[in-house]
Amino acid sequence: MTALTGSILLALAGCQAVPGAKNGAQGAAGQSAAATPAQTQAVGTQHAITDNRQALDLRVFLADTRSRPDWTPVTLKPSGVLYVQPTAVINRSDLMGIQSATDQKGDGILVLILNDEGLKKIRAATAANPGLRLALVVGHTMLAAPGYAAPISQQKLAFGVGSARNAELAARSVAGVEATPPASGF
């Protein structure tokens, strides 16, 4: 794993299955890239988050490259370890919507649109834990683990997920528009 300064994100060589997860999805590589809503352009429909039994769960955890007591180690491909706090900071219920987008280079971005409670939770967690990472997990697959330099204070939270296709599949799966990703995965 490469540690970069500032708010540059962790580059993952592949999607990571969360330890203990049932039916962990295997997926294509999703390289993360720093993105703010101003640096993205929408390519997919904004999907509302509603009660839907077909929707995949979405969770965001605090993570670090250093070992921490009681945090779960996740082995990264091709090498490295990320330590993930076992309790999610936010989950699907903290979202108003989700949307796929691309950055200026055409890489896929998954934009989480937080409700007021979700924003409050992520702001408090990132203020209390400066300079860590946010591990984005959809279903049982870690798609990205971007670093942050300052507390999160925006309603829209953007994660680099590799391709525009990955972003759209993830958005549709979380919204329940498409129950699960196709066999080829993210």
N, C-alpha and C. Protein backbone atom coordinates (compact mmCIF):
# COMPACT_ATOMS: atom_id res chain seq x y z
N MET A 1 0.84 -1.17 0.00
CA MET A 1 0.00 0.00 0.00
C MET A 1 0.89 1.23 0.00
N THR A 2 0.47 2.24 -0.68
CA THR A 2 1.22 3.47 -0.76
C THR A 2 0.56 4.51 0.14
N ALA A 3 1.33 5.09 1.05
CA ALA A 3 0.78 6.14 1.91
C ALA A 3 1.05 7.48 1.23
N LEU A 4 0.03 8.23 0.96
CA LEU A 4 0.18 9.52 0.30
C LEU A 4 -0.19 10.61 1.28
N THR A 5 0.30 11.79 1.08
CA THR A 5 0.03 12.89 2.00
C THR A 5 -1.29 13.56 1.70
N GLY A 6 -1.73 14.38 2.66
CA GLY A 6 -2.95 15.17 2.49
C GLY A 6 -4.18 14.33 2.35
N SER A 7 -5.04 14.74 1.44
CA SER A 7 -6.30 14.02 1.27
C SER A 7 -6.27 13.06 0.10
N ILE A 8 -5.07 12.76 -0.43
CA ILE A 8 -4.98 11.78 -1.52
C ILE A 8 -5.40 10.44 -0.96
N LEU A 9 -6.07 9.68 -1.75
CA LEU A 9 -6.68 8.45 -1.29
C LEU A 9 -5.80 7.24 -1.50
N LEU A 10 -6.14 6.20 -0.75
CA LEU A 10 -5.44 4.93 -0.86
C LEU A 10 -5.77 4.27 -2.18
N ALA A 11 -4.77 3.83 -2.89
CA ALA A 11 -4.99 3.10 -4.14
C ALA A 11 -5.09 1.63 -3.82
N LEU A 12 -6.23 1.05 -4.07
CA LEU A 12 -6.43 -0.37 -3.82
C LEU A 12 -6.18 -1.14 -5.10
N ALA A 13 -5.44 -2.21 -4.99
CA ALA A 13 -5.17 -3.02 -6.17
C ALA A 13 -6.38 -3.88 -6.51
N GLY A 14 -7.29 -4.05 -5.59
CA GLY A 14 -8.49 -4.83 -5.85
C GLY A 14 -9.50 -4.60 -4.76
N CYS A 15 -10.74 -4.92 -5.02
CA CYS A 15 -11.77 -4.81 -4.00
C CYS A 15 -11.47 -5.86 -2.94
N GLN A 16 -11.75 -5.53 -1.71
CA GLN A 16 -11.41 -6.41 -0.60
C GLN A 16 -12.67 -6.93 0.06
N ALA A 17 -12.72 -8.24 0.29
CA ALA A 17 -13.84 -8.81 1.03
C ALA A 17 -13.64 -8.49 2.50
N VAL A 18 -14.71 -8.13 3.18
CA VAL A 18 -14.65 -7.83 4.60
C VAL A 18 -14.58 -9.13 5.38
N PRO A 19 -13.65 -9.25 6.35
CA PRO A 19 -13.53 -10.49 7.10
C PRO A 19 -14.85 -10.86 7.75
N GLY A 20 -15.17 -12.14 7.71
CA GLY A 20 -16.39 -12.64 8.34
C GLY A 20 -17.62 -12.44 7.50
N ALA A 21 -17.51 -11.81 6.34
CA ALA A 21 -18.67 -11.55 5.50
C ALA A 21 -19.05 -12.83 4.77
N LYS A 22 -20.34 -13.05 4.63
CA LYS A 22 -20.84 -14.19 3.87
C LYS A 22 -20.90 -13.80 2.41
N ASN A 23 -20.53 -14.74 1.54
CA ASN A 23 -20.60 -14.51 0.09
C ASN A 23 -19.90 -13.24 -0.34
N GLY A 24 -18.68 -13.01 0.14
CA GLY A 24 -17.93 -11.82 -0.23
C GLY A 24 -17.79 -11.73 -1.74
N ALA A 25 -18.15 -10.61 -2.29
CA ALA A 25 -18.07 -10.44 -3.74
C ALA A 25 -16.64 -10.27 -4.17
N GLN A 26 -16.30 -10.84 -5.28
CA GLN A 26 -14.98 -10.65 -5.87
C GLN A 26 -15.16 -9.61 -6.96
N GLY A 27 -14.23 -8.69 -7.07
CA GLY A 27 -14.46 -7.65 -8.04
C GLY A 27 -13.21 -7.18 -8.74
N ALA A 28 -13.44 -6.32 -9.71
CA ALA A 28 -12.35 -5.73 -10.46
C ALA A 28 -11.69 -4.66 -9.62
N ALA A 29 -10.52 -4.28 -10.00
CA ALA A 29 -9.78 -3.27 -9.25
C ALA A 29 -10.54 -1.96 -9.24
N GLY A 30 -10.47 -1.27 -8.12
CA GLY A 30 -11.10 0.03 -8.00
C GLY A 30 -10.10 1.02 -7.44
N GLN A 31 -9.42 1.76 -8.29
CA GLN A 31 -8.43 2.70 -7.81
C GLN A 31 -9.16 3.95 -7.33
N SER A 32 -8.81 4.40 -6.14
CA SER A 32 -9.43 5.57 -5.55
C SER A 32 -8.72 6.82 -6.02
N ALA A 33 -9.46 7.89 -6.15
CA ALA A 33 -8.89 9.17 -6.51
C ALA A 33 -9.58 10.25 -5.70
N ALA A 34 -8.83 11.25 -5.27
CA ALA A 34 -9.41 12.33 -4.49
C ALA A 34 -10.49 13.02 -5.30
N ALA A 35 -11.62 13.25 -4.69
CA ALA A 35 -12.70 13.92 -5.40
C ALA A 35 -13.59 14.67 -4.43
N THR A 36 -13.96 15.83 -4.82
CA THR A 36 -14.99 16.57 -4.11
C THR A 36 -16.13 16.72 -5.09
N PRO A 37 -17.33 17.02 -4.61
CA PRO A 37 -18.44 17.17 -5.54
C PRO A 37 -18.14 18.15 -6.69
N ALA A 38 -17.31 19.15 -6.45
CA ALA A 38 -16.99 20.11 -7.50
C ALA A 38 -16.13 19.49 -8.60
N GLN A 39 -15.42 18.40 -8.27
CA GLN A 39 -14.54 17.76 -9.24
C GLN A 39 -15.21 16.60 -9.97
N THR A 40 -16.48 16.37 -9.73
CA THR A 40 -17.17 15.25 -10.35
C THR A 40 -18.24 15.76 -11.30
N GLN A 41 -18.60 14.89 -12.23
CA GLN A 41 -19.72 15.19 -13.11
C GLN A 41 -20.64 13.97 -13.09
N ALA A 42 -21.92 14.19 -12.96
CA ALA A 42 -22.87 13.09 -12.88
C ALA A 42 -22.94 12.35 -14.21
N VAL A 43 -22.96 11.02 -14.14
CA VAL A 43 -23.15 10.22 -15.35
C VAL A 43 -24.35 9.32 -15.20
N GLY A 44 -24.77 9.07 -14.00
CA GLY A 44 -25.90 8.20 -13.77
C GLY A 44 -27.03 8.94 -13.07
N THR A 45 -28.14 8.29 -12.99
CA THR A 45 -29.29 8.85 -12.32
C THR A 45 -29.05 8.88 -10.82
N GLN A 46 -29.51 9.94 -10.18
CA GLN A 46 -29.46 9.97 -8.72
C GLN A 46 -30.57 9.05 -8.23
N HIS A 47 -30.22 8.10 -7.39
CA HIS A 47 -31.18 7.14 -6.87
C HIS A 47 -31.54 7.49 -5.44
N ALA A 48 -32.82 7.48 -5.14
CA ALA A 48 -33.29 7.70 -3.78
C ALA A 48 -33.02 6.45 -2.95
N ILE A 49 -32.81 6.62 -1.68
CA ILE A 49 -32.63 5.50 -0.76
C ILE A 49 -33.98 5.25 -0.10
N THR A 50 -34.56 4.11 -0.40
CA THR A 50 -35.85 3.74 0.15
C THR A 50 -35.75 2.33 0.71
N ASP A 51 -36.75 1.93 1.49
CA ASP A 51 -36.79 0.55 1.99
C ASP A 51 -36.93 -0.37 0.80
N ASN A 52 -35.99 -1.28 0.67
CA ASN A 52 -35.98 -2.17 -0.48
C ASN A 52 -35.21 -3.42 -0.09
N ARG A 53 -35.89 -4.55 -0.05
CA ARG A 53 -35.23 -5.79 0.37
C ARG A 53 -34.16 -6.26 -0.61
N GLN A 54 -34.20 -5.78 -1.84
CA GLN A 54 -33.21 -6.19 -2.83
C GLN A 54 -31.93 -5.36 -2.78
N ALA A 55 -31.95 -4.25 -2.07
CA ALA A 55 -30.80 -3.35 -2.03
C ALA A 55 -29.66 -3.94 -1.20
N LEU A 56 -28.44 -3.70 -1.67
CA LEU A 56 -27.27 -4.11 -0.90
C LEU A 56 -27.02 -3.10 0.21
N ASP A 57 -26.46 -3.59 1.30
CA ASP A 57 -26.12 -2.72 2.41
C ASP A 57 -24.91 -1.87 2.03
N LEU A 58 -24.82 -0.70 2.58
CA LEU A 58 -23.68 0.17 2.41
C LEU A 58 -23.26 0.61 3.80
N ARG A 59 -21.97 0.52 4.08
CA ARG A 59 -21.44 0.97 5.37
C ARG A 59 -20.12 1.69 5.14
N VAL A 60 -19.84 2.68 5.98
CA VAL A 60 -18.58 3.40 5.94
C VAL A 60 -17.96 3.28 7.33
N PHE A 61 -16.72 2.78 7.37
CA PHE A 61 -16.00 2.55 8.61
C PHE A 61 -14.78 3.46 8.68
N LEU A 62 -14.33 3.76 9.89
CA LEU A 62 -13.03 4.38 10.06
C LEU A 62 -11.97 3.31 9.83
N ALA A 63 -10.85 3.69 9.23
CA ALA A 63 -9.77 2.75 8.96
C ALA A 63 -8.43 3.46 9.11
N ASP A 64 -7.38 2.65 9.33
CA ASP A 64 -6.04 3.20 9.50
C ASP A 64 -5.02 2.21 8.96
N THR A 65 -3.87 2.71 8.61
CA THR A 65 -2.79 1.84 8.14
C THR A 65 -1.98 1.31 9.33
N ARG A 66 -2.21 1.86 10.52
CA ARG A 66 -1.53 1.39 11.73
C ARG A 66 -2.48 0.52 12.54
N SER A 67 -1.92 -0.49 13.16
CA SER A 67 -2.70 -1.39 14.00
C SER A 67 -3.30 -0.62 15.18
N ARG A 68 -4.54 -0.95 15.49
CA ARG A 68 -5.24 -0.33 16.62
C ARG A 68 -5.94 -1.44 17.39
N PRO A 69 -5.99 -1.31 18.71
CA PRO A 69 -6.66 -2.35 19.50
C PRO A 69 -8.11 -2.55 19.06
N ASP A 70 -8.49 -3.80 18.90
CA ASP A 70 -9.86 -4.21 18.56
C ASP A 70 -10.31 -3.83 17.14
N TRP A 71 -9.43 -3.31 16.30
CA TRP A 71 -9.79 -3.04 14.92
C TRP A 71 -9.45 -4.27 14.10
N THR A 72 -10.23 -4.54 13.06
CA THR A 72 -10.08 -5.73 12.24
C THR A 72 -9.06 -5.51 11.12
N PRO A 73 -8.03 -6.37 11.05
CA PRO A 73 -7.08 -6.23 9.94
C PRO A 73 -7.69 -6.77 8.64
N VAL A 74 -7.52 -6.02 7.56
CA VAL A 74 -7.97 -6.44 6.24
C VAL A 74 -6.74 -6.45 5.34
N THR A 75 -6.44 -7.61 4.78
CA THR A 75 -5.28 -7.74 3.90
C THR A 75 -5.63 -7.16 2.54
N LEU A 76 -4.76 -6.28 2.06
CA LEU A 76 -4.96 -5.64 0.77
C LEU A 76 -4.14 -6.35 -0.28
N LYS A 77 -4.64 -6.33 -1.52
CA LYS A 77 -3.93 -6.94 -2.64
C LYS A 77 -3.19 -5.86 -3.39
N PRO A 78 -1.97 -5.98 -3.79
CA PRO A 78 -1.14 -7.17 -3.70
C PRO A 78 -0.45 -7.30 -2.34
N SER A 79 -0.32 -6.21 -1.59
CA SER A 79 0.28 -6.32 -0.27
C SER A 79 -0.19 -5.18 0.60
N GLY A 80 -0.06 -5.36 1.90
CA GLY A 80 -0.44 -4.33 2.85
C GLY A 80 -1.63 -4.75 3.69
N VAL A 81 -1.85 -4.00 4.75
CA VAL A 81 -2.95 -4.28 5.66
C VAL A 81 -3.61 -2.96 6.03
N LEU A 82 -4.91 -2.96 6.10
CA LEU A 82 -5.69 -1.83 6.56
C LEU A 82 -6.43 -2.29 7.80
N TYR A 83 -6.42 -1.50 8.85
CA TYR A 83 -7.12 -1.84 10.09
C TYR A 83 -8.43 -1.06 10.14
N VAL A 84 -9.54 -1.80 10.30
CA VAL A 84 -10.87 -1.22 10.18
C VAL A 84 -11.59 -1.32 11.52
N GLN A 85 -12.13 -0.18 11.96
CA GLN A 85 -12.94 -0.17 13.18
C GLN A 85 -14.17 -1.04 12.94
N PRO A 86 -14.52 -1.94 13.86
CA PRO A 86 -15.60 -2.88 13.58
C PRO A 86 -17.01 -2.28 13.52
N THR A 87 -17.20 -1.09 14.05
CA THR A 87 -18.52 -0.47 14.03
C THR A 87 -18.57 0.60 12.94
N ALA A 88 -19.58 0.52 12.07
CA ALA A 88 -19.71 1.49 10.98
C ALA A 88 -20.05 2.87 11.53
N VAL A 89 -19.48 3.88 10.89
CA VAL A 89 -19.80 5.27 11.22
C VAL A 89 -21.17 5.62 10.64
N ILE A 90 -21.37 5.28 9.38
CA ILE A 90 -22.66 5.50 8.73
C ILE A 90 -23.03 4.25 7.95
N ASN A 91 -24.33 4.13 7.65
CA ASN A 91 -24.81 3.02 6.84
C ASN A 91 -25.88 3.53 5.89
N ARG A 92 -26.52 2.62 5.22
CA ARG A 92 -27.51 2.96 4.19
C ARG A 92 -28.61 3.87 4.72
N SER A 93 -28.99 3.69 5.99
CA SER A 93 -30.07 4.50 6.56
C SER A 93 -29.66 5.96 6.75
N ASP A 94 -28.37 6.26 6.64
CA ASP A 94 -27.88 7.63 6.79
C ASP A 94 -27.80 8.37 5.44
N LEU A 95 -28.33 7.73 4.39
CA LEU A 95 -28.29 8.32 3.06
C LEU A 95 -29.67 8.81 2.62
N MET A 96 -29.68 9.92 1.87
CA MET A 96 -30.90 10.37 1.18
C MET A 96 -30.89 9.87 -0.25
N GLY A 97 -29.68 9.71 -0.78
CA GLY A 97 -29.56 9.28 -2.16
C GLY A 97 -28.15 8.82 -2.45
N ILE A 98 -27.97 8.30 -3.66
CA ILE A 98 -26.67 7.82 -4.11
C ILE A 98 -26.61 8.03 -5.61
N GLN A 99 -25.41 8.35 -6.11
CA GLN A 99 -25.28 8.67 -7.54
C GLN A 99 -23.91 8.26 -8.03
N SER A 100 -23.86 7.82 -9.27
CA SER A 100 -22.58 7.55 -9.91
C SER A 100 -22.13 8.82 -10.62
N ALA A 101 -20.82 8.97 -10.73
CA ALA A 101 -20.24 10.14 -11.40
C ALA A 101 -18.86 9.73 -11.91
N THR A 102 -18.21 10.67 -12.58
CA THR A 102 -16.83 10.47 -13.00
C THR A 102 -16.03 11.69 -12.58
N ASP A 103 -14.72 11.49 -12.42
CA ASP A 103 -13.86 12.63 -12.16
C ASP A 103 -13.38 13.20 -13.49
N GLN A 104 -12.50 14.17 -13.43
CA GLN A 104 -12.03 14.84 -14.65
C GLN A 104 -11.28 13.90 -15.60
N LYS A 105 -10.74 12.78 -15.06
CA LYS A 105 -10.03 11.81 -15.89
C LYS A 105 -10.94 10.71 -16.40
N GLY A 106 -12.21 10.72 -15.99
CA GLY A 106 -13.16 9.71 -16.42
C GLY A 106 -13.25 8.50 -15.48
N ASP A 107 -12.53 8.54 -14.35
CA ASP A 107 -12.60 7.46 -13.38
C ASP A 107 -13.92 7.53 -12.61
N GLY A 108 -14.43 6.38 -12.19
CA GLY A 108 -15.71 6.29 -11.51
C GLY A 108 -15.69 6.81 -10.09
N ILE A 109 -16.73 7.55 -9.74
CA ILE A 109 -16.91 8.10 -8.41
C ILE A 109 -18.31 7.70 -7.93
N LEU A 110 -18.40 7.21 -6.71
CA LEU A 110 -19.68 6.92 -6.09
C LEU A 110 -19.95 8.04 -5.10
N VAL A 111 -21.04 8.76 -5.30
CA VAL A 111 -21.38 9.91 -4.47
C VAL A 111 -22.50 9.52 -3.52
N LEU A 112 -22.20 9.59 -2.22
CA LEU A 112 -23.21 9.34 -1.19
C LEU A 112 -23.81 10.68 -0.80
N ILE A 113 -25.13 10.77 -0.80
CA ILE A 113 -25.80 12.00 -0.41
C ILE A 113 -26.37 11.75 0.98
N LEU A 114 -25.73 12.37 1.97
CA LEU A 114 -26.04 12.10 3.37
C LEU A 114 -27.27 12.87 3.84
N ASN A 115 -28.07 12.23 4.70
CA ASN A 115 -29.13 12.96 5.36
C ASN A 115 -28.50 13.71 6.54
N ASP A 116 -29.29 14.51 7.25
CA ASP A 116 -28.74 15.33 8.33
C ASP A 116 -28.08 14.48 9.42
N GLU A 117 -28.68 13.36 9.78
CA GLU A 117 -28.11 12.48 10.80
C GLU A 117 -26.80 11.86 10.33
N GLY A 118 -26.74 11.45 9.07
CA GLY A 118 -25.52 10.89 8.51
C GLY A 118 -24.38 11.91 8.49
N LEU A 119 -24.70 13.14 8.10
CA LEU A 119 -23.69 14.20 8.09
C LEU A 119 -23.18 14.47 9.50
N LYS A 120 -24.08 14.49 10.46
CA LYS A 120 -23.71 14.70 11.85
C LYS A 120 -22.76 13.60 12.34
N LYS A 121 -23.06 12.36 11.99
CA LYS A 121 -22.23 11.22 12.41
C LYS A 121 -20.84 11.27 11.77
N ILE A 122 -20.79 11.51 10.46
CA ILE A 122 -19.50 11.51 9.77
C ILE A 122 -18.65 12.69 10.20
N ARG A 123 -19.29 13.84 10.43
CA ARG A 123 -18.56 15.02 10.90
C ARG A 123 -17.95 14.75 12.28
N ALA A 124 -18.72 14.19 13.19
CA ALA A 124 -18.22 13.90 14.54
C ALA A 124 -17.09 12.87 14.51
N ALA A 125 -17.25 11.80 13.72
CA ALA A 125 -16.24 10.74 13.66
C ALA A 125 -14.94 11.25 13.05
N THR A 126 -15.03 12.04 11.98
CA THR A 126 -13.81 12.52 11.34
C THR A 126 -13.14 13.64 12.14
N ALA A 127 -13.92 14.42 12.88
CA ALA A 127 -13.33 15.45 13.76
C ALA A 127 -12.60 14.80 14.93
N ALA A 128 -13.15 13.73 15.46
CA ALA A 128 -12.54 13.04 16.61
C ALA A 128 -11.36 12.15 16.21
N ASN A 129 -11.23 11.84 14.93
CA ASN A 129 -10.19 10.92 14.44
C ASN A 129 -9.51 11.51 13.20
N PRO A 130 -8.73 12.57 13.38
CA PRO A 130 -8.12 13.24 12.22
C PRO A 130 -7.12 12.36 11.50
N GLY A 131 -7.07 12.54 10.17
CA GLY A 131 -6.04 11.91 9.35
C GLY A 131 -6.17 10.42 9.13
N LEU A 132 -7.34 9.84 9.35
CA LEU A 132 -7.52 8.42 9.10
C LEU A 132 -8.09 8.22 7.70
N ARG A 133 -8.76 7.11 7.49
CA ARG A 133 -9.38 6.78 6.20
C ARG A 133 -10.83 6.40 6.45
N LEU A 134 -11.62 6.47 5.39
CA LEU A 134 -13.01 6.02 5.43
C LEU A 134 -13.12 4.83 4.49
N ALA A 135 -13.40 3.66 5.04
CA ALA A 135 -13.53 2.44 4.24
C ALA A 135 -14.98 2.28 3.80
N LEU A 136 -15.20 2.33 2.49
CA LEU A 136 -16.53 2.18 1.91
C LEU A 136 -16.77 0.70 1.60
N VAL A 137 -17.82 0.14 2.19
CA VAL A 137 -18.16 -1.27 1.98
C VAL A 137 -19.57 -1.34 1.41
N VAL A 138 -19.70 -1.97 0.25
CA VAL A 138 -21.01 -2.21 -0.36
C VAL A 138 -21.21 -3.72 -0.37
N GLY A 139 -22.30 -4.17 0.23
CA GLY A 139 -22.50 -5.60 0.43
C GLY A 139 -21.43 -6.08 1.39
N HIS A 140 -20.55 -6.94 0.92
CA HIS A 140 -19.44 -7.42 1.73
C HIS A 140 -18.10 -7.12 1.09
N THR A 141 -18.07 -6.11 0.21
CA THR A 141 -16.86 -5.78 -0.53
C THR A 141 -16.42 -4.35 -0.23
N MET A 142 -15.15 -4.20 0.17
CA MET A 142 -14.58 -2.88 0.37
C MET A 142 -14.21 -2.32 -1.00
N LEU A 143 -14.84 -1.21 -1.37
CA LEU A 143 -14.60 -0.62 -2.68
C LEU A 143 -13.53 0.46 -2.67
N ALA A 144 -13.37 1.15 -1.55
CA ALA A 144 -12.42 2.26 -1.48
C ALA A 144 -12.10 2.55 -0.02
N ALA A 145 -10.96 3.17 0.20
CA ALA A 145 -10.58 3.58 1.55
C ALA A 145 -9.81 4.90 1.48
N PRO A 146 -10.52 5.99 1.16
CA PRO A 146 -9.85 7.28 1.02
C PRO A 146 -9.44 7.86 2.36
N GLY A 147 -8.34 8.62 2.32
CA GLY A 147 -7.93 9.37 3.49
C GLY A 147 -8.65 10.70 3.53
N TYR A 148 -8.66 11.33 4.68
CA TYR A 148 -9.22 12.68 4.80
C TYR A 148 -8.30 13.50 5.68
N ALA A 149 -8.17 14.77 5.36
CA ALA A 149 -7.27 15.66 6.08
C ALA A 149 -8.00 16.52 7.11
N ALA A 150 -9.29 16.74 6.90
CA ALA A 150 -10.07 17.60 7.78
C ALA A 150 -11.43 16.94 8.01
N PRO A 151 -12.14 17.35 9.05
CA PRO A 151 -13.47 16.78 9.29
C PRO A 151 -14.38 16.96 8.08
N ILE A 152 -15.16 15.94 7.78
CA ILE A 152 -16.10 15.98 6.66
C ILE A 152 -17.25 16.91 7.05
N SER A 153 -17.56 17.87 6.17
CA SER A 153 -18.61 18.83 6.49
C SER A 153 -19.58 19.05 5.34
N GLN A 154 -19.48 18.23 4.29
CA GLN A 154 -20.36 18.39 3.13
C GLN A 154 -21.38 17.27 3.08
N GLN A 155 -22.56 17.58 2.58
CA GLN A 155 -23.65 16.61 2.46
C GLN A 155 -23.33 15.50 1.46
N LYS A 156 -22.47 15.79 0.47
CA LYS A 156 -22.10 14.80 -0.53
C LYS A 156 -20.69 14.28 -0.23
N LEU A 157 -20.58 12.96 -0.20
CA LEU A 157 -19.33 12.29 0.10
C LEU A 157 -18.95 11.44 -1.10
N ALA A 158 -17.80 11.72 -1.72
CA ALA A 158 -17.40 11.06 -2.97
C ALA A 158 -16.28 10.06 -2.72
N PHE A 159 -16.42 8.86 -3.32
CA PHE A 159 -15.42 7.79 -3.23
C PHE A 159 -15.02 7.36 -4.63
N GLY A 160 -13.74 7.29 -4.90
CA GLY A 160 -13.24 6.75 -6.16
C GLY A 160 -13.41 5.24 -6.16
N VAL A 161 -14.06 4.69 -7.18
CA VAL A 161 -14.32 3.25 -7.24
C VAL A 161 -13.83 2.62 -8.55
N GLY A 162 -12.85 3.24 -9.18
CA GLY A 162 -12.26 2.67 -10.40
C GLY A 162 -12.89 3.19 -11.66
N SER A 163 -13.93 2.52 -12.12
CA SER A 163 -14.55 2.87 -13.40
C SER A 163 -15.94 3.46 -13.22
N ALA A 164 -16.42 4.12 -14.27
CA ALA A 164 -17.79 4.63 -14.26
C ALA A 164 -18.77 3.48 -14.12
N ARG A 165 -18.46 2.32 -14.72
CA ARG A 165 -19.30 1.13 -14.61
C ARG A 165 -19.40 0.68 -13.15
N ASN A 166 -18.27 0.64 -12.44
CA ASN A 166 -18.29 0.28 -11.02
C ASN A 166 -19.18 1.22 -10.23
N ALA A 167 -19.06 2.51 -10.51
CA ALA A 167 -19.85 3.51 -9.78
C ALA A 167 -21.34 3.30 -10.03
N GLU A 168 -21.72 3.07 -11.29
CA GLU A 168 -23.14 2.88 -11.60
C GLU A 168 -23.67 1.58 -11.00
N LEU A 169 -22.89 0.49 -11.09
CA LEU A 169 -23.32 -0.78 -10.49
C LEU A 169 -23.52 -0.64 -8.98
N ALA A 170 -22.58 0.02 -8.32
CA ALA A 170 -22.68 0.20 -6.88
C ALA A 170 -23.90 1.06 -6.52
N ALA A 171 -24.11 2.16 -7.24
CA ALA A 171 -25.24 3.05 -6.96
C ALA A 171 -26.56 2.31 -7.14
N ARG A 172 -26.69 1.57 -8.23
CA ARG A 172 -27.92 0.84 -8.50
C ARG A 172 -28.14 -0.27 -7.47
N SER A 173 -27.06 -0.94 -7.06
CA SER A 173 -27.18 -2.02 -6.10
C SER A 173 -27.59 -1.52 -4.72
N VAL A 174 -27.03 -0.40 -4.29
CA VAL A 174 -27.38 0.16 -2.98
C VAL A 174 -28.81 0.69 -3.00
N ALA A 175 -29.22 1.29 -4.11
CA ALA A 175 -30.58 1.81 -4.22
C ALA A 175 -31.61 0.69 -4.40
N GLY A 176 -31.13 -0.51 -4.79
CA GLY A 176 -32.05 -1.62 -5.01
C GLY A 176 -32.63 -1.63 -6.40
N VAL A 177 -32.09 -0.81 -7.29
CA VAL A 177 -32.55 -0.78 -8.67
C VAL A 177 -32.12 -2.08 -9.36
N GLU A 178 -30.95 -2.55 -8.99
CA GLU A 178 -30.43 -3.82 -9.45
C GLU A 178 -30.02 -4.56 -8.18
N ALA A 179 -30.60 -5.71 -7.93
CA ALA A 179 -30.43 -6.40 -6.66
C ALA A 179 -28.96 -6.65 -6.31
N THR A 180 -28.20 -7.19 -7.25
CA THR A 180 -26.79 -7.47 -7.00
C THR A 180 -26.00 -7.19 -8.26
N PRO A 181 -24.71 -6.97 -8.12
CA PRO A 181 -23.90 -6.77 -9.32
C PRO A 181 -23.90 -8.01 -10.18
N PRO A 182 -23.73 -7.87 -11.49
CA PRO A 182 -23.63 -9.03 -12.35
C PRO A 182 -22.46 -9.91 -11.92
N ALA A 183 -22.39 -11.12 -12.46
CA ALA A 183 -21.36 -12.09 -12.10
C ALA A 183 -19.96 -11.50 -12.25
N SER A 184 -19.78 -10.56 -13.16
CA SER A 184 -18.46 -9.96 -13.35
C SER A 184 -18.09 -9.03 -12.20
N GLY A 185 -19.07 -8.66 -11.37
CA GLY A 185 -18.81 -7.85 -10.16
C GLY A 185 -18.46 -6.41 -10.46
N PHE A 186 -18.00 -5.75 -9.40
CA PHE A 186 -17.61 -4.35 -9.48
C PHE A 186 -16.27 -4.24 -10.14
